[in-house]
Amino acid sequence: MPTEMIDAAFWLTCAAILVLLVLSAFFSGSETALTAASRSKLKAQADKGSRGAKAAMKVTEDRERMIGALLLGNNIVNILSASLATALLTRIFGDSGVALATFAMTALVLIFGEVMPKTVAITYPEPVATRVAPLIRVLIVAFSPIVSVVRAVVRGLLRLFGLRSSPGGEMLARREEIAGAIALGHSEGTVEKADRDRLLGALDLSHRTVDEIMRHRRQIEMIDADLPPGEIITRVLASPHTRLPLFRESDDHILGVIHAKDLLREVDRLVRGEDGSVAGIESLEIEKVAMKPYFIPDTTALDEQMREFLARRTHFALVVDEYGTLQGLITLEDILEEIVGDITDEFDVVHKDSGLTQTEDGAYLIDGAMTIRDLNRATDWRLPDDEANTIAGLVIHEAQMIPNEGQVFSFHGFRFEVVAKRENRITKLKLRPL
């Protein structure tokens, strides 16, 4: 290299290239850190008073704008550094300086402007994000006019290809991210199965409706209002349930809901009150004891219904379809069981057969009324529950018919055999993974 070429301009150009490489590293590392940083961790730090975390939360609210500003800054410094290097080396080596500048700047930008800063940022995303966020906020404001124009051009081009951004996409993506993290933690052994089921159950409440978990009308225990008072009292006391629907003539004609404690108070008044006697029980007017029924549509989301139960300070609702026909009932306990699993007390009837029994040959005998969700939880299978709630319903949906005993079907990677059937209901199935 001729000594006359090493002058003040040479050193200034080298210094400028060095500064631009540092800026390139800053933009690359900032983009990676702010993109990879967990907003939940940043929120926890912000709640403890971290100004950097608050700035990072603010910056990452509009990721498109943030990335646009960072990419703009990164491209400016990379192109400018390459141009300066080309001019410098062309001055020294002539035309061959172009090739030298290309190789030299590619190596320098790749190592010091991309790989090294991004490696540091991905290793320590939250600490880096909290330190760079205040500067990035200033940068976003400075580049805002240019970024806005670029965003408008990009969105216009995307519309030409029929692509549009979804307003609810970010919220759905965050939910899927949380669910995926929980499932990954379970597969890696850091999250217990019971904890995974509870967490995913809570996440799923807003995406499931009451008709998926309600007790079907065939399974509801009801009291006929025309029964003798003594028989009504006997049936209420014999029931494991505290609340029982009261009907007359037809189970579609619901008069109210009997609470065992309200009935006990009324019986106490008739027997022990003024002019009371045991014979006074015959004058019991059960309709006056019953509470007003609370009806809900079968399409109500579970999280919404749970809020309604808490707001109304009640735990019991009757489910009807769009025509007002009784479909079943649901309680607050049913919703809570979707999160914590089965809840039993001293009055619940505990069945030895849980609806799922494994045979010696590795197959499973399953109650047809068992829900697909409960089966998936118990076995870690992934049978779809979009078209049916119960395992029997899934077989009928896939077969497009009501099968007979002994018929065998194969779908979703399983072999389904109808073991028992009552009328038009499949009561027992045998499942085996293929």
Protein backbone atom coordinates (compact mmCIF):
# COMPACT_ATOMS: atom_id res chain seq x y z
CA MET A 1 0.00 0.00 0.00
CA PRO A 2 1.54 3.34 -1.02
CA THR A 3 2.28 5.50 2.03
CA GLU A 4 0.89 8.56 0.29
CA MET A 5 -2.53 6.89 0.33
CA ILE A 6 -2.56 6.81 4.15
CA ASP A 7 -3.74 10.30 4.97
CA ALA A 8 -6.38 11.87 7.16
CA ALA A 9 -9.16 10.89 4.74
CA PHE A 10 -8.06 7.24 4.94
CA TRP A 11 -8.25 7.14 8.72
CA LEU A 12 -11.54 9.04 8.80
CA THR A 13 -13.05 6.56 6.35
CA CYS A 14 -11.80 3.59 8.41
CA ALA A 15 -13.24 5.18 11.56
CA ALA A 16 -16.57 5.77 9.81
CA ILE A 17 -16.71 2.12 8.66
CA LEU A 18 -15.98 0.98 12.22
CA VAL A 19 -18.75 3.18 13.65
CA LEU A 20 -21.19 1.92 11.01
CA LEU A 21 -20.34 -1.69 11.90
CA VAL A 22 -21.06 -0.92 15.56
CA LEU A 23 -24.41 0.61 14.54
CA SER A 24 -25.15 -2.45 12.40
CA ALA A 25 -24.48 -4.69 15.40
CA PHE A 26 -26.72 -2.46 17.53
CA PHE A 27 -29.65 -2.64 15.08
CA SER A 28 -29.31 -6.40 14.53
CA GLY A 29 -29.00 -7.20 18.22
CA SER A 30 -31.88 -4.87 19.13
CA GLU A 31 -34.19 -6.46 16.58
CA THR A 32 -33.43 -9.97 17.84
CA ALA A 33 -33.68 -9.04 21.54
CA LEU A 34 -36.94 -7.11 21.24
CA THR A 35 -38.49 -9.82 19.09
CA ALA A 36 -37.36 -12.73 21.29
CA ALA A 37 -37.96 -11.07 24.67
CA SER A 38 -40.87 -12.49 26.66
CA ARG A 39 -43.50 -9.82 27.25
CA SER A 40 -44.57 -11.59 30.43
CA LYS A 41 -41.04 -11.28 31.85
CA LEU A 42 -40.82 -7.66 30.73
CA LYS A 43 -44.20 -6.98 32.37
CA ALA A 44 -42.97 -8.49 35.64
CA GLN A 45 -39.86 -6.28 35.54
CA ALA A 46 -41.93 -3.22 34.63
CA ASP A 47 -44.21 -3.85 37.62
CA LYS A 48 -41.11 -3.78 39.82
CA GLY A 49 -40.21 -0.32 38.49
CA SER A 50 -37.78 -1.06 35.64
CA ARG A 51 -37.88 1.87 33.19
CA GLY A 52 -36.10 -0.14 30.52
CA ALA A 53 -38.72 -2.89 30.73
CA LYS A 54 -41.52 -0.31 30.47
CA ALA A 55 -39.84 1.15 27.38
CA ALA A 56 -39.46 -2.33 25.89
CA MET A 57 -43.16 -3.06 26.51
CA LYS A 58 -44.07 0.20 24.78
CA VAL A 59 -41.76 -0.45 21.82
CA THR A 60 -43.00 -4.00 21.22
CA GLU A 61 -46.69 -3.03 21.22
CA ASP A 62 -46.43 -2.23 17.50
CA ARG A 63 -43.97 -4.84 16.23
CA GLU A 64 -44.46 -3.92 12.59
CA ARG A 65 -43.46 -0.32 13.23
CA MET A 66 -40.53 -1.38 15.42
CA ILE A 67 -39.13 -3.86 12.90
CA GLY A 68 -39.61 -1.36 10.07
CA ALA A 69 -37.52 1.26 11.89
CA LEU A 70 -34.79 -1.23 12.83
CA LEU A 71 -34.55 -2.66 9.32
CA LEU A 72 -34.40 0.83 7.85
CA GLY A 73 -31.56 1.82 10.17
CA ASN A 74 -29.73 -1.46 9.63
CA ASN A 75 -29.93 -1.24 5.84
CA ILE A 76 -28.76 2.39 5.83
CA VAL A 77 -25.63 1.67 7.88
CA ASN A 78 -24.80 -1.57 6.00
CA ILE A 79 -25.13 0.03 2.57
CA LEU A 80 -23.21 3.12 3.67
CA SER A 81 -20.38 1.05 5.19
CA ALA A 82 -20.12 -1.06 2.02
CA SER A 83 -20.03 2.08 -0.12
CA LEU A 84 -17.27 3.66 1.99
CA ALA A 85 -15.23 0.43 1.93
CA THR A 86 -15.60 0.18 -1.85
CA ALA A 87 -14.48 3.80 -2.32
CA LEU A 88 -11.54 3.33 0.03
CA LEU A 89 -10.23 0.09 -1.47
CA THR A 90 -10.83 1.27 -5.06
CA ARG A 91 -8.70 4.31 -4.31
CA ILE A 92 -5.89 2.07 -3.07
CA PHE A 93 -6.11 -1.02 -5.34
CA GLY A 94 -7.94 0.32 -8.36
CA ASP A 95 -10.70 -1.77 -9.99
CA SER A 96 -9.81 -4.86 -7.98
CA GLY A 97 -10.82 -2.93 -4.85
CA VAL A 98 -14.50 -3.57 -5.64
CA ALA A 99 -14.06 -7.33 -5.22
CA LEU A 100 -11.90 -6.86 -2.12
CA ALA A 101 -14.47 -4.53 -0.57
CA THR A 102 -17.27 -7.04 -1.28
CA PHE A 103 -15.47 -9.94 0.40
CA ALA A 104 -14.15 -7.85 3.31
CA MET A 105 -17.45 -6.14 4.14
CA THR A 106 -19.43 -9.39 3.76
CA ALA A 107 -17.17 -11.06 6.34
CA LEU A 108 -17.17 -8.07 8.70
CA VAL A 109 -20.96 -7.49 8.53
CA LEU A 110 -21.72 -11.20 8.83
CA ILE A 111 -19.50 -11.74 11.88
CA PHE A 112 -19.64 -8.43 13.75
CA GLY A 113 -22.87 -6.95 12.40
CA GLU A 114 -25.15 -10.00 12.38
CA VAL A 115 -24.07 -13.30 13.95
CA MET A 116 -22.24 -12.04 17.06
CA PRO A 117 -24.80 -9.43 18.20
CA LYS A 118 -27.75 -11.72 17.43
CA THR A 119 -26.13 -14.56 19.38
CA VAL A 120 -25.73 -12.31 22.41
CA ALA A 121 -29.28 -10.98 22.03
CA ILE A 122 -30.89 -14.41 21.72
CA THR A 123 -28.93 -15.62 24.76
CA TYR A 124 -29.95 -12.66 26.95
CA PRO A 125 -33.10 -11.26 25.29
CA GLU A 126 -34.70 -9.46 28.25
CA PRO A 127 -31.51 -7.76 29.60
CA VAL A 128 -30.56 -6.57 26.11
CA ALA A 129 -34.11 -5.45 25.32
CA THR A 130 -34.36 -3.34 28.48
CA ARG A 131 -31.08 -1.57 27.66
CA VAL A 132 -31.73 -0.80 23.99
CA ALA A 133 -35.44 0.03 24.23
CA PRO A 134 -35.06 3.73 25.25
CA LEU A 135 -32.81 4.39 22.23
CA ILE A 136 -35.08 2.43 19.91
CA ARG A 137 -38.07 4.56 21.00
CA VAL A 138 -36.21 7.67 19.84
CA LEU A 139 -35.22 5.94 16.61
CA ILE A 140 -38.82 4.90 15.88
CA VAL A 141 -40.01 8.49 16.30
CA ALA A 142 -37.22 9.79 14.03
CA PHE A 143 -37.93 7.22 11.30
CA SER A 144 -41.70 7.34 11.71
CA PRO A 145 -42.50 9.27 8.46
CA ILE A 146 -40.41 6.95 6.29
CA VAL A 147 -41.64 3.79 8.07
CA SER A 148 -45.28 4.89 7.65
CA VAL A 149 -44.79 5.27 3.89
CA VAL A 150 -43.06 1.88 3.68
CA ARG A 151 -45.88 0.22 5.68
CA ALA A 152 -48.50 1.70 3.40
CA VAL A 153 -46.66 0.47 0.30
CA VAL A 154 -46.18 -3.02 1.78
CA ARG A 155 -49.81 -3.37 2.83
CA GLY A 156 -50.93 -2.19 -0.58
CA LEU A 157 -48.77 -4.81 -2.27
CA LEU A 158 -50.03 -7.54 0.08
CA ARG A 159 -53.64 -6.64 -0.73
CA LEU A 160 -52.87 -7.25 -4.40
CA PHE A 161 -52.11 -10.86 -3.43
CA GLY A 162 -55.20 -11.12 -1.23
CA LEU A 163 -53.28 -11.00 2.08
CA ARG A 164 -54.65 -8.96 4.97
CA SER A 165 -53.62 -8.72 8.62
CA SER A 166 -56.07 -10.21 11.12
CA PRO A 167 -57.03 -7.89 14.04
CA GLY A 168 -57.38 -10.83 16.43
CA GLY A 169 -54.37 -12.69 15.13
CA GLU A 170 -51.97 -11.40 17.78
CA MET A 171 -54.23 -12.39 20.67
CA LEU A 172 -54.78 -15.84 19.17
CA ALA A 173 -51.05 -16.20 18.57
CA ARG A 174 -50.29 -15.36 22.21
CA ARG A 175 -52.81 -17.93 23.42
CA GLU A 176 -51.33 -20.55 21.11
CA GLU A 177 -47.85 -19.58 22.32
CA ILE A 178 -48.86 -20.13 25.95
CA ALA A 179 -50.57 -23.43 25.15
CA GLY A 180 -47.58 -24.55 23.12
CA ALA A 181 -45.18 -23.64 25.93
CA ILE A 182 -47.23 -25.68 28.41
CA ALA A 183 -47.39 -28.69 26.08
CA LEU A 184 -43.66 -28.42 25.39
CA GLY A 185 -42.92 -28.22 29.10
CA HIS A 186 -44.92 -31.41 29.66
CA SER A 187 -43.15 -33.25 26.83
CA GLU A 188 -39.77 -32.21 28.28
CA GLY A 189 -40.76 -33.32 31.77
CA THR A 190 -40.79 -29.90 33.45
CA VAL A 191 -44.61 -29.66 33.71
CA GLU A 192 -46.63 -32.44 35.33
CA LYS A 193 -49.59 -33.88 33.42
CA ALA A 194 -52.08 -32.71 36.06
CA ASP A 195 -50.65 -29.18 35.94
CA ARG A 196 -50.76 -29.20 32.13
CA ASP A 197 -54.41 -30.30 32.14
CA ARG A 198 -55.40 -27.58 34.62
CA LEU A 199 -53.60 -24.80 32.76
CA LEU A 200 -54.88 -25.84 29.34
CA GLY A 201 -58.37 -26.33 30.77
CA ALA A 202 -58.41 -22.73 32.01
CA LEU A 203 -57.18 -21.49 28.62
CA ASP A 204 -59.89 -23.43 26.78
CA LEU A 205 -62.88 -22.01 28.70
CA SER A 206 -63.41 -19.15 26.25
CA HIS A 207 -63.36 -21.55 23.28
CA ARG A 208 -65.85 -24.09 24.60
CA THR A 209 -69.61 -23.89 25.08
CA VAL A 210 -71.94 -25.26 27.73
CA ASP A 211 -73.42 -27.91 25.44
CA GLU A 212 -70.01 -29.64 25.42
CA ILE A 213 -69.95 -30.36 29.16
CA MET A 214 -73.59 -30.14 30.29
CA ARG A 215 -75.43 -33.09 31.84
CA HIS A 216 -77.78 -34.32 29.12
CA ARG A 217 -81.51 -34.30 29.81
CA ARG A 218 -81.51 -38.12 29.83
CA GLN A 219 -79.22 -38.00 32.86
CA ILE A 220 -81.08 -35.28 34.78
CA GLU A 221 -82.86 -36.31 37.98
CA MET A 222 -86.17 -34.39 38.19
CA ILE A 223 -89.12 -34.19 40.57
CA ASP A 224 -92.73 -34.40 39.37
CA ALA A 225 -94.77 -31.64 41.00
CA ASP A 226 -97.89 -33.88 41.03
CA LEU A 227 -96.33 -36.48 43.34
CA PRO A 228 -97.57 -36.63 46.95
CA PRO A 229 -95.63 -34.36 49.32
CA GLY A 230 -94.23 -37.32 51.25
CA GLU A 231 -92.90 -38.92 48.06
CA ILE A 232 -91.32 -35.62 47.00
CA ILE A 233 -89.53 -35.29 50.34
CA THR A 234 -88.31 -38.90 50.15
CA ARG A 235 -86.92 -38.45 46.62
CA VAL A 236 -85.18 -35.18 47.45
CA LEU A 237 -83.52 -36.71 50.52
CA ALA A 238 -82.49 -39.81 48.57
CA SER A 239 -80.88 -37.78 45.79
CA PRO A 240 -77.14 -37.01 45.93
CA HIS A 241 -77.92 -33.59 44.42
CA THR A 242 -78.77 -30.44 46.38
CA ARG A 243 -80.82 -28.84 43.58
CA LEU A 244 -83.44 -30.69 41.53
CA PRO A 245 -85.62 -29.35 38.67
CA LEU A 246 -89.37 -29.48 39.29
CA PHE A 247 -91.64 -30.29 36.33
CA ARG A 248 -95.28 -31.03 35.60
CA GLU A 249 -96.67 -33.35 32.91
CA SER A 250 -93.55 -33.07 30.69
CA ASP A 251 -89.87 -32.51 31.43
CA ASP A 252 -90.02 -29.60 28.97
CA HIS A 253 -92.43 -27.85 31.36
CA ILE A 254 -90.05 -26.79 34.14
CA LEU A 255 -91.74 -25.03 37.05
CA GLY A 256 -88.68 -24.28 39.08
CA VAL A 257 -85.72 -25.72 40.97
CA ILE A 258 -86.02 -27.27 44.43
CA HIS A 259 -83.17 -26.61 46.85
CA ALA A 260 -82.97 -29.28 49.57
CA LYS A 261 -82.33 -26.65 52.26
CA ASP A 262 -85.39 -24.61 51.22
CA LEU A 263 -87.51 -27.77 51.34
CA LEU A 264 -86.15 -28.61 54.79
CA ARG A 265 -87.04 -25.14 56.08
CA GLU A 266 -90.59 -25.49 54.75
CA VAL A 267 -91.00 -28.95 56.29
CA ASP A 268 -89.69 -27.59 59.60
CA ARG A 269 -92.26 -24.78 59.45
CA LEU A 270 -95.11 -27.20 58.73
CA VAL A 271 -94.11 -29.63 61.48
CA ARG A 272 -92.71 -27.43 64.25
CA GLY A 273 -94.33 -24.08 63.56
CA GLU A 274 -97.51 -22.73 65.15
CA ASP A 275 -100.33 -25.27 64.73
CA GLY A 276 -97.74 -27.53 63.10
CA SER A 277 -97.88 -31.32 63.09
CA VAL A 278 -96.53 -34.25 61.14
CA ALA A 279 -99.81 -34.39 59.26
CA GLY A 280 -99.16 -30.82 58.14
CA ILE A 281 -96.62 -32.13 55.62
CA GLU A 282 -99.55 -33.15 53.41
CA SER A 283 -100.32 -29.45 52.92
CA LEU A 284 -96.85 -28.83 51.43
CA GLU A 285 -97.07 -26.66 48.29
CA ILE A 286 -93.91 -27.63 46.45
CA GLU A 287 -94.22 -24.91 43.79
CA LYS A 288 -93.92 -22.20 46.44
CA VAL A 289 -90.71 -23.76 47.71
CA ALA A 290 -89.11 -24.00 44.27
CA MET A 291 -86.78 -21.26 43.03
CA LYS A 292 -87.33 -19.56 39.71
CA PRO A 293 -85.53 -21.54 36.97
CA TYR A 294 -82.53 -19.97 35.26
CA PHE A 295 -82.34 -20.83 31.55
CA ILE A 296 -79.30 -20.30 29.33
CA PRO A 297 -78.67 -20.99 25.60
CA ASP A 298 -76.54 -24.00 24.72
CA THR A 299 -74.09 -21.82 22.77
CA THR A 300 -72.89 -19.84 25.82
CA ALA A 301 -69.11 -19.86 26.29
CA LEU A 302 -67.91 -21.48 29.50
CA ASP A 303 -65.91 -18.48 30.74
CA GLU A 304 -68.88 -16.20 30.14
CA GLN A 305 -71.21 -18.59 31.97
CA MET A 306 -68.81 -18.82 34.91
CA ARG A 307 -68.86 -15.01 35.21
CA GLU A 308 -72.66 -15.09 35.08
CA PHE A 309 -72.82 -17.68 37.85
CA LEU A 310 -70.56 -15.54 40.05
CA ALA A 311 -72.50 -12.35 39.27
CA ARG A 312 -75.89 -13.97 39.95
CA ARG A 313 -74.56 -15.81 43.01
CA THR A 314 -76.06 -19.05 41.77
CA HIS A 315 -74.52 -22.38 40.74
CA PHE A 316 -77.25 -24.01 38.65
CA ALA A 317 -78.65 -23.37 35.16
CA LEU A 318 -80.90 -25.23 32.73
CA VAL A 319 -79.66 -25.37 29.14
CA VAL A 320 -82.07 -24.89 26.23
CA ASP A 321 -81.59 -24.86 22.45
CA GLU A 322 -82.72 -22.19 19.98
CA TYR A 323 -86.29 -23.53 20.11
CA GLY A 324 -86.45 -23.36 23.91
CA THR A 325 -86.33 -27.14 24.31
CA LEU A 326 -84.55 -28.43 27.40
CA GLN A 327 -81.17 -29.92 26.47
CA GLY A 328 -79.56 -30.43 29.87
CA LEU A 329 -78.22 -28.63 32.91
CA ILE A 330 -74.89 -27.20 33.97
CA THR A 331 -73.48 -26.13 37.32
CA LEU A 332 -70.55 -24.02 38.40
CA GLU A 333 -68.93 -27.23 39.61
CA ASP A 334 -69.09 -28.66 36.07
CA ILE A 335 -67.12 -25.68 34.76
CA LEU A 336 -64.56 -25.86 37.56
CA GLU A 337 -64.09 -29.57 36.87
CA GLU A 338 -62.91 -28.66 33.37
CA ILE A 339 -59.95 -26.99 35.09
CA VAL A 340 -59.21 -29.04 38.21
CA GLY A 341 -60.68 -32.42 37.25
CA ASP A 342 -63.47 -34.37 38.95
CA ILE A 343 -64.73 -32.94 42.24
CA THR A 344 -66.48 -35.42 44.55
CA ASP A 345 -67.95 -35.04 48.00
CA GLU A 346 -69.40 -37.42 50.58
CA PHE A 347 -72.79 -37.47 48.83
CA ASP A 348 -71.59 -38.13 45.29
CA VAL A 349 -72.12 -41.58 43.86
CA VAL A 350 -68.65 -42.85 42.92
CA HIS A 351 -68.74 -45.46 40.18
CA LYS A 352 -66.03 -48.09 40.17
CA ASP A 353 -66.16 -48.08 36.36
CA SER A 354 -64.83 -44.68 35.33
CA GLY A 355 -65.86 -45.27 31.73
CA LEU A 356 -62.34 -46.25 30.62
CA THR A 357 -60.87 -49.71 31.18
CA GLN A 358 -57.77 -51.18 29.59
CA THR A 359 -57.96 -54.80 28.55
CA GLU A 360 -55.16 -57.38 28.64
CA ASP A 361 -54.58 -57.08 24.89
CA GLY A 362 -53.87 -53.35 25.16
CA ALA A 363 -57.24 -52.14 23.89
CA TYR A 364 -59.59 -49.86 25.83
CA LEU A 365 -63.24 -50.43 26.75
CA ILE A 366 -64.90 -47.04 26.77
CA ASP A 367 -68.35 -45.83 27.80
CA GLY A 368 -70.02 -44.33 24.74
CA ALA A 369 -71.12 -41.29 26.78
CA MET A 370 -67.55 -40.43 27.77
CA THR A 371 -66.51 -37.09 26.32
CA ILE A 372 -63.69 -36.99 23.81
CA ARG A 373 -61.96 -34.33 25.89
CA ASP A 374 -61.93 -36.55 29.00
CA LEU A 375 -60.65 -39.47 26.94
CA ASN A 376 -57.85 -37.35 25.46
CA ARG A 377 -56.92 -36.12 28.91
CA ALA A 378 -56.77 -39.63 30.35
CA THR A 379 -54.81 -41.19 27.50
CA ASP A 380 -52.92 -38.23 25.94
CA TRP A 381 -54.58 -38.99 22.61
CA ARG A 382 -55.60 -36.32 20.11
CA LEU A 383 -59.01 -37.41 18.88
CA PRO A 384 -60.86 -34.42 17.36
CA ASP A 385 -63.84 -32.98 19.24
CA ASP A 386 -64.94 -30.38 16.68
CA GLU A 387 -67.92 -32.35 15.34
CA ALA A 388 -68.90 -34.41 18.39
CA ASN A 389 -68.64 -34.16 22.18
CA THR A 390 -68.75 -37.86 23.09
CA ILE A 391 -66.83 -40.83 21.74
CA ALA A 392 -70.11 -42.41 20.58
CA GLY A 393 -70.99 -39.21 18.75
CA LEU A 394 -67.61 -39.26 17.02
CA VAL A 395 -68.23 -42.80 15.73
CA ILE A 396 -71.70 -41.89 14.46
CA HIS A 397 -70.37 -38.73 12.79
CA GLU A 398 -67.52 -40.53 11.05
CA ALA A 399 -69.61 -43.57 10.07
CA GLN A 400 -72.51 -41.37 8.88
CA MET A 401 -74.88 -43.96 10.36
CA ILE A 402 -75.98 -45.54 13.62
CA PRO A 403 -73.85 -48.70 13.70
CA ASN A 404 -74.85 -52.10 15.04
CA GLU A 405 -73.09 -54.19 17.66
CA GLY A 406 -69.93 -55.81 16.33
CA GLN A 407 -69.32 -53.29 13.55
CA VAL A 408 -65.72 -52.07 13.26
CA PHE A 409 -64.45 -48.75 11.90
CA SER A 410 -60.99 -47.26 11.44
CA PHE A 411 -60.35 -43.51 11.43
CA HIS A 412 -58.04 -40.93 13.07
CA GLY A 413 -55.46 -43.68 13.62
CA PHE A 414 -57.71 -45.86 15.80
CA ARG A 415 -59.80 -49.00 15.45
CA PHE A 416 -63.33 -48.55 16.84
CA GLU A 417 -65.49 -51.60 17.63
CA VAL A 418 -69.09 -51.22 18.79
CA VAL A 419 -69.39 -53.55 21.80
CA ALA A 420 -72.83 -52.66 23.16
CA LYS A 421 -75.80 -50.64 21.99
CA ARG A 422 -79.12 -49.68 23.59
CA GLU A 423 -81.86 -48.47 21.27
CA ASN A 424 -80.11 -45.85 19.12
CA ARG A 425 -77.32 -45.17 21.61
CA ILE A 426 -73.85 -46.68 21.57
CA THR A 427 -73.16 -47.59 25.19
CA LYS A 428 -69.80 -49.37 24.97
CA LEU A 429 -66.89 -49.15 22.53
CA LYS A 430 -63.56 -50.90 22.18
CA LEU A 431 -60.68 -48.73 21.00
CA ARG A 432 -57.24 -49.71 19.88
CA PRO A 433 -54.55 -47.41 18.39
CA LEU A 434 -53.56 -48.62 14.94
